[in-house]
Amino acid sequence: MTKEEQNKNICKGAFVVINDKGLHTRPSTELVKCASSFKSQINLIYQGIIVNAKSLLGILTLAATRGSRIDIEAVGYDADLAVETLIGLARKKFHIHY
């Protein structure tokens, strides 16, 4: 598959932050680890701000609190799986338990 063909596979999704303390360092670190396991370019969008899902600093700048809706857009051959996996991780509170 050529790079051009990979870029045609676009997948979008969204999740709501259900962690009590929002998307702080620990859940953001889990999100980055998960996103980094995919080849696709993955962006998170919150209140018009777009950040790379593989960038911890980028995610932290969103300052997303509990109840925030985060949109996901992935581009690449594994985009569908990336979006599905990130939504699943968010539903599991990024494996963070207090």
N, C-alpha and C. Protein backbone atom coordinates (compact mmCIF):
# COMPACT_ATOMS: atom_id res chain seq x y z
N MET A 1 0.85 -1.18 0.00
CA MET A 1 0.00 0.00 0.00
C MET A 1 0.89 1.24 0.00
N THR A 2 0.64 2.15 -0.91
CA THR A 2 1.44 3.37 -0.98
C THR A 2 1.02 4.32 0.12
N LYS A 3 1.87 5.31 0.38
CA LYS A 3 1.56 6.30 1.40
C LYS A 3 0.26 7.03 1.07
N GLU A 4 0.04 7.30 -0.20
CA GLU A 4 -1.19 7.98 -0.62
C GLU A 4 -2.42 7.12 -0.30
N GLU A 5 -2.32 5.82 -0.54
CA GLU A 5 -3.44 4.91 -0.24
C GLU A 5 -3.68 4.82 1.26
N GLN A 6 -2.61 4.82 2.05
CA GLN A 6 -2.75 4.77 3.51
C GLN A 6 -3.50 6.00 4.01
N ASN A 7 -3.20 7.15 3.46
CA ASN A 7 -3.81 8.39 3.91
C ASN A 7 -5.29 8.49 3.57
N LYS A 8 -5.77 7.65 2.67
CA LYS A 8 -7.19 7.69 2.31
C LYS A 8 -8.05 7.00 3.36
N ASN A 9 -7.45 6.18 4.22
CA ASN A 9 -8.21 5.50 5.26
C ASN A 9 -8.31 6.42 6.47
N ILE A 10 -9.44 7.08 6.59
CA ILE A 10 -9.68 8.02 7.68
C ILE A 10 -10.78 7.47 8.56
N CYS A 11 -10.55 7.51 9.86
CA CYS A 11 -11.56 7.05 10.81
C CYS A 11 -11.72 8.11 11.89
N LYS A 12 -12.96 8.34 12.28
CA LYS A 12 -13.26 9.32 13.33
C LYS A 12 -14.07 8.67 14.43
N GLY A 13 -13.93 9.18 15.61
CA GLY A 13 -14.69 8.70 16.76
C GLY A 13 -14.60 9.73 17.86
N ALA A 14 -15.12 9.37 19.02
CA ALA A 14 -15.09 10.29 20.15
C ALA A 14 -15.24 9.50 21.44
N PHE A 15 -14.78 10.11 22.51
CA PHE A 15 -15.01 9.55 23.84
C PHE A 15 -15.25 10.69 24.82
N VAL A 16 -15.87 10.35 25.93
CA VAL A 16 -16.09 11.30 27.01
C VAL A 16 -15.17 10.90 28.15
N VAL A 17 -14.46 11.87 28.70
CA VAL A 17 -13.55 11.61 29.81
C VAL A 17 -14.39 11.28 31.05
N ILE A 18 -14.22 10.08 31.58
CA ILE A 18 -15.00 9.66 32.75
C ILE A 18 -14.14 9.57 34.01
N ASN A 19 -12.84 9.82 33.88
CA ASN A 19 -11.97 9.83 35.05
C ASN A 19 -12.33 11.01 35.94
N ASP A 20 -12.40 10.77 37.24
CA ASP A 20 -12.78 11.83 38.17
C ASP A 20 -11.91 13.07 38.07
N LYS A 21 -10.61 12.87 37.86
CA LYS A 21 -9.68 13.99 37.83
C LYS A 21 -9.37 14.47 36.41
N GLY A 22 -10.13 14.00 35.45
CA GLY A 22 -9.94 14.44 34.07
C GLY A 22 -8.77 13.76 33.40
N LEU A 23 -8.33 14.36 32.33
CA LEU A 23 -7.25 13.79 31.51
C LEU A 23 -5.92 14.39 31.97
N HIS A 24 -5.49 14.00 33.17
CA HIS A 24 -4.24 14.50 33.73
C HIS A 24 -3.08 13.60 33.30
N THR A 25 -1.94 13.70 33.95
CA THR A 25 -0.72 13.04 33.48
C THR A 25 -0.83 11.53 33.36
N ARG A 26 -1.35 10.85 34.36
CA ARG A 26 -1.38 9.38 34.31
C ARG A 26 -2.27 8.84 33.19
N PRO A 27 -3.52 9.26 33.08
CA PRO A 27 -4.31 8.75 31.96
C PRO A 27 -3.78 9.22 30.60
N SER A 28 -3.23 10.41 30.56
CA SER A 28 -2.66 10.91 29.30
C SER A 28 -1.47 10.06 28.87
N THR A 29 -0.68 9.63 29.83
CA THR A 29 0.47 8.76 29.53
C THR A 29 -0.01 7.44 28.94
N GLU A 30 -1.06 6.87 29.50
CA GLU A 30 -1.63 5.62 28.97
C GLU A 30 -2.16 5.83 27.55
N LEU A 31 -2.79 6.97 27.33
CA LEU A 31 -3.31 7.28 26.00
C LEU A 31 -2.17 7.38 24.99
N VAL A 32 -1.09 8.06 25.36
CA VAL A 32 0.07 8.21 24.46
C VAL A 32 0.68 6.85 24.16
N LYS A 33 0.85 6.01 25.18
CA LYS A 33 1.42 4.67 24.95
C LYS A 33 0.57 3.88 23.97
N CYS A 34 -0.73 3.94 24.15
CA CYS A 34 -1.64 3.21 23.27
C CYS A 34 -1.58 3.78 21.85
N ALA A 35 -1.70 5.09 21.71
CA ALA A 35 -1.69 5.72 20.39
C ALA A 35 -0.37 5.46 19.66
N SER A 36 0.71 5.43 20.40
CA SER A 36 2.04 5.22 19.80
C SER A 36 2.23 3.82 19.24
N SER A 37 1.36 2.91 19.61
CA SER A 37 1.47 1.55 19.10
C SER A 37 0.90 1.40 17.69
N PHE A 38 0.32 2.47 17.16
CA PHE A 38 -0.27 2.45 15.82
C PHE A 38 0.58 3.27 14.85
N LYS A 39 0.55 2.87 13.59
CA LYS A 39 1.29 3.59 12.54
C LYS A 39 0.55 4.84 12.08
N SER A 40 -0.77 4.85 12.22
CA SER A 40 -1.58 5.97 11.75
C SER A 40 -1.24 7.26 12.48
N GLN A 41 -1.50 8.37 11.79
CA GLN A 41 -1.45 9.68 12.43
C GLN A 41 -2.76 9.82 13.19
N ILE A 42 -2.69 10.13 14.48
CA ILE A 42 -3.89 10.21 15.31
C ILE A 42 -3.92 11.58 15.98
N ASN A 43 -5.02 12.29 15.79
CA ASN A 43 -5.21 13.58 16.43
C ASN A 43 -6.38 13.53 17.38
N LEU A 44 -6.27 14.32 18.45
CA LEU A 44 -7.38 14.52 19.38
C LEU A 44 -7.83 15.96 19.21
N ILE A 45 -9.14 16.17 19.25
CA ILE A 45 -9.70 17.50 19.08
C ILE A 45 -10.60 17.80 20.26
N TYR A 46 -10.35 18.95 20.92
CA TYR A 46 -11.16 19.36 22.07
C TYR A 46 -11.28 20.88 22.03
N GLN A 47 -12.49 21.36 22.00
CA GLN A 47 -12.78 22.79 21.96
C GLN A 47 -11.99 23.51 20.86
N GLY A 48 -11.92 22.87 19.70
CA GLY A 48 -11.25 23.46 18.56
C GLY A 48 -9.74 23.32 18.55
N ILE A 49 -9.18 22.75 19.60
CA ILE A 49 -7.73 22.56 19.67
C ILE A 49 -7.40 21.15 19.18
N ILE A 50 -6.46 21.05 18.26
CA ILE A 50 -6.06 19.76 17.69
C ILE A 50 -4.65 19.44 18.17
N VAL A 51 -4.49 18.24 18.76
CA VAL A 51 -3.17 17.81 19.22
C VAL A 51 -2.88 16.40 18.73
N ASN A 52 -1.61 16.09 18.64
CA ASN A 52 -1.16 14.76 18.27
C ASN A 52 -1.39 13.83 19.46
N ALA A 53 -2.09 12.73 19.26
CA ALA A 53 -2.39 11.79 20.34
C ALA A 53 -1.14 11.06 20.84
N LYS A 54 -0.03 11.21 20.14
CA LYS A 54 1.22 10.57 20.55
C LYS A 54 2.12 11.54 21.32
N SER A 55 1.58 12.72 21.64
CA SER A 55 2.34 13.76 22.35
C SER A 55 1.73 14.00 23.73
N LEU A 56 2.47 13.64 24.77
CA LEU A 56 1.97 13.84 26.13
C LEU A 56 1.74 15.32 26.40
N LEU A 57 2.69 16.15 26.04
CA LEU A 57 2.54 17.58 26.27
C LEU A 57 1.32 18.13 25.53
N GLY A 58 1.13 17.68 24.30
CA GLY A 58 -0.03 18.12 23.54
C GLY A 58 -1.34 17.78 24.24
N ILE A 59 -1.44 16.55 24.71
CA ILE A 59 -2.67 16.12 25.39
C ILE A 59 -2.89 16.91 26.67
N LEU A 60 -1.82 17.14 27.43
CA LEU A 60 -1.96 17.88 28.68
C LEU A 60 -2.41 19.32 28.44
N THR A 61 -2.05 19.90 27.30
CA THR A 61 -2.48 21.27 27.01
C THR A 61 -3.98 21.38 26.80
N LEU A 62 -4.63 20.26 26.53
CA LEU A 62 -6.09 20.28 26.37
C LEU A 62 -6.79 20.60 27.68
N ALA A 63 -6.18 20.22 28.80
CA ALA A 63 -6.77 20.43 30.13
C ALA A 63 -8.21 19.93 30.19
N ALA A 64 -8.44 18.75 29.64
CA ALA A 64 -9.79 18.18 29.58
C ALA A 64 -10.20 17.64 30.94
N THR A 65 -11.34 18.08 31.41
CA THR A 65 -11.87 17.65 32.70
C THR A 65 -12.89 16.54 32.53
N ARG A 66 -13.34 15.98 33.65
CA ARG A 66 -14.37 14.94 33.62
C ARG A 66 -15.58 15.47 32.85
N GLY A 67 -16.11 14.66 31.97
CA GLY A 67 -17.27 15.04 31.17
C GLY A 67 -16.92 15.66 29.83
N SER A 68 -15.64 15.93 29.60
CA SER A 68 -15.22 16.53 28.33
C SER A 68 -15.34 15.52 27.20
N ARG A 69 -15.85 15.97 26.06
CA ARG A 69 -15.92 15.12 24.87
C ARG A 69 -14.68 15.39 24.02
N ILE A 70 -13.95 14.32 23.74
CA ILE A 70 -12.73 14.40 22.94
C ILE A 70 -12.99 13.68 21.62
N ASP A 71 -12.82 14.38 20.51
CA ASP A 71 -12.95 13.76 19.20
C ASP A 71 -11.61 13.18 18.79
N ILE A 72 -11.66 12.07 18.07
CA ILE A 72 -10.46 11.40 17.57
C ILE A 72 -10.54 11.35 16.05
N GLU A 73 -9.43 11.64 15.40
CA GLU A 73 -9.35 11.46 13.96
C GLU A 73 -8.02 10.77 13.65
N ALA A 74 -8.12 9.62 12.99
CA ALA A 74 -6.92 8.86 12.64
C ALA A 74 -6.85 8.68 11.13
N VAL A 75 -5.64 8.75 10.60
CA VAL A 75 -5.41 8.59 9.17
C VAL A 75 -4.29 7.58 8.98
N GLY A 76 -4.58 6.51 8.24
CA GLY A 76 -3.58 5.49 7.98
C GLY A 76 -4.22 4.12 7.87
N TYR A 77 -3.41 3.13 7.56
CA TYR A 77 -3.97 1.80 7.31
C TYR A 77 -4.58 1.15 8.55
N ASP A 78 -4.12 1.52 9.75
CA ASP A 78 -4.69 0.94 10.97
C ASP A 78 -5.56 1.94 11.74
N ALA A 79 -6.08 2.94 11.03
CA ALA A 79 -6.87 4.00 11.65
C ALA A 79 -8.11 3.47 12.36
N ASP A 80 -8.82 2.53 11.74
CA ASP A 80 -10.04 1.99 12.36
C ASP A 80 -9.74 1.34 13.70
N LEU A 81 -8.72 0.51 13.72
CA LEU A 81 -8.34 -0.18 14.96
C LEU A 81 -7.84 0.80 16.00
N ALA A 82 -7.11 1.82 15.57
CA ALA A 82 -6.59 2.83 16.50
C ALA A 82 -7.73 3.55 17.21
N VAL A 83 -8.72 4.01 16.46
CA VAL A 83 -9.84 4.74 17.06
C VAL A 83 -10.63 3.83 17.99
N GLU A 84 -10.91 2.63 17.54
CA GLU A 84 -11.65 1.66 18.36
C GLU A 84 -10.91 1.37 19.67
N THR A 85 -9.61 1.18 19.59
CA THR A 85 -8.82 0.86 20.77
C THR A 85 -8.75 2.03 21.75
N LEU A 86 -8.59 3.25 21.24
CA LEU A 86 -8.53 4.42 22.11
C LEU A 86 -9.87 4.67 22.81
N ILE A 87 -10.96 4.46 22.11
CA ILE A 87 -12.28 4.60 22.73
C ILE A 87 -12.44 3.56 23.84
N GLY A 88 -12.01 2.34 23.58
CA GLY A 88 -12.08 1.29 24.59
C GLY A 88 -11.24 1.62 25.81
N LEU A 89 -10.06 2.19 25.59
CA LEU A 89 -9.19 2.58 26.70
C LEU A 89 -9.86 3.66 27.54
N ALA A 90 -10.49 4.63 26.90
CA ALA A 90 -11.18 5.69 27.63
C ALA A 90 -12.33 5.13 28.46
N ARG A 91 -13.04 4.16 27.91
CA ARG A 91 -14.15 3.54 28.65
C ARG A 91 -13.66 2.79 29.89
N LYS A 92 -12.39 2.36 29.84
CA LYS A 92 -11.79 1.66 30.98
C LYS A 92 -11.03 2.62 31.89
N LYS A 93 -11.32 3.90 31.76
CA LYS A 93 -10.68 4.96 32.55
C LYS A 93 -9.16 4.95 32.41
N PHE A 94 -8.68 4.55 31.23
CA PHE A 94 -7.25 4.53 30.94
C PHE A 94 -6.49 3.65 31.92
N HIS A 95 -7.18 2.67 32.49
CA HIS A 95 -6.61 1.74 33.47
C HIS A 95 -6.13 2.45 34.74
N ILE A 96 -6.72 3.60 35.05
CA ILE A 96 -6.35 4.35 36.24
C ILE A 96 -7.45 4.18 37.28
N HIS A 97 -7.06 3.69 38.45
CA HIS A 97 -8.02 3.50 39.55
C HIS A 97 -7.46 4.19 40.78
N TYR A 98 -8.28 4.96 41.43
CA TYR A 98 -7.84 5.72 42.61
C TYR A 98 -8.23 5.00 43.87
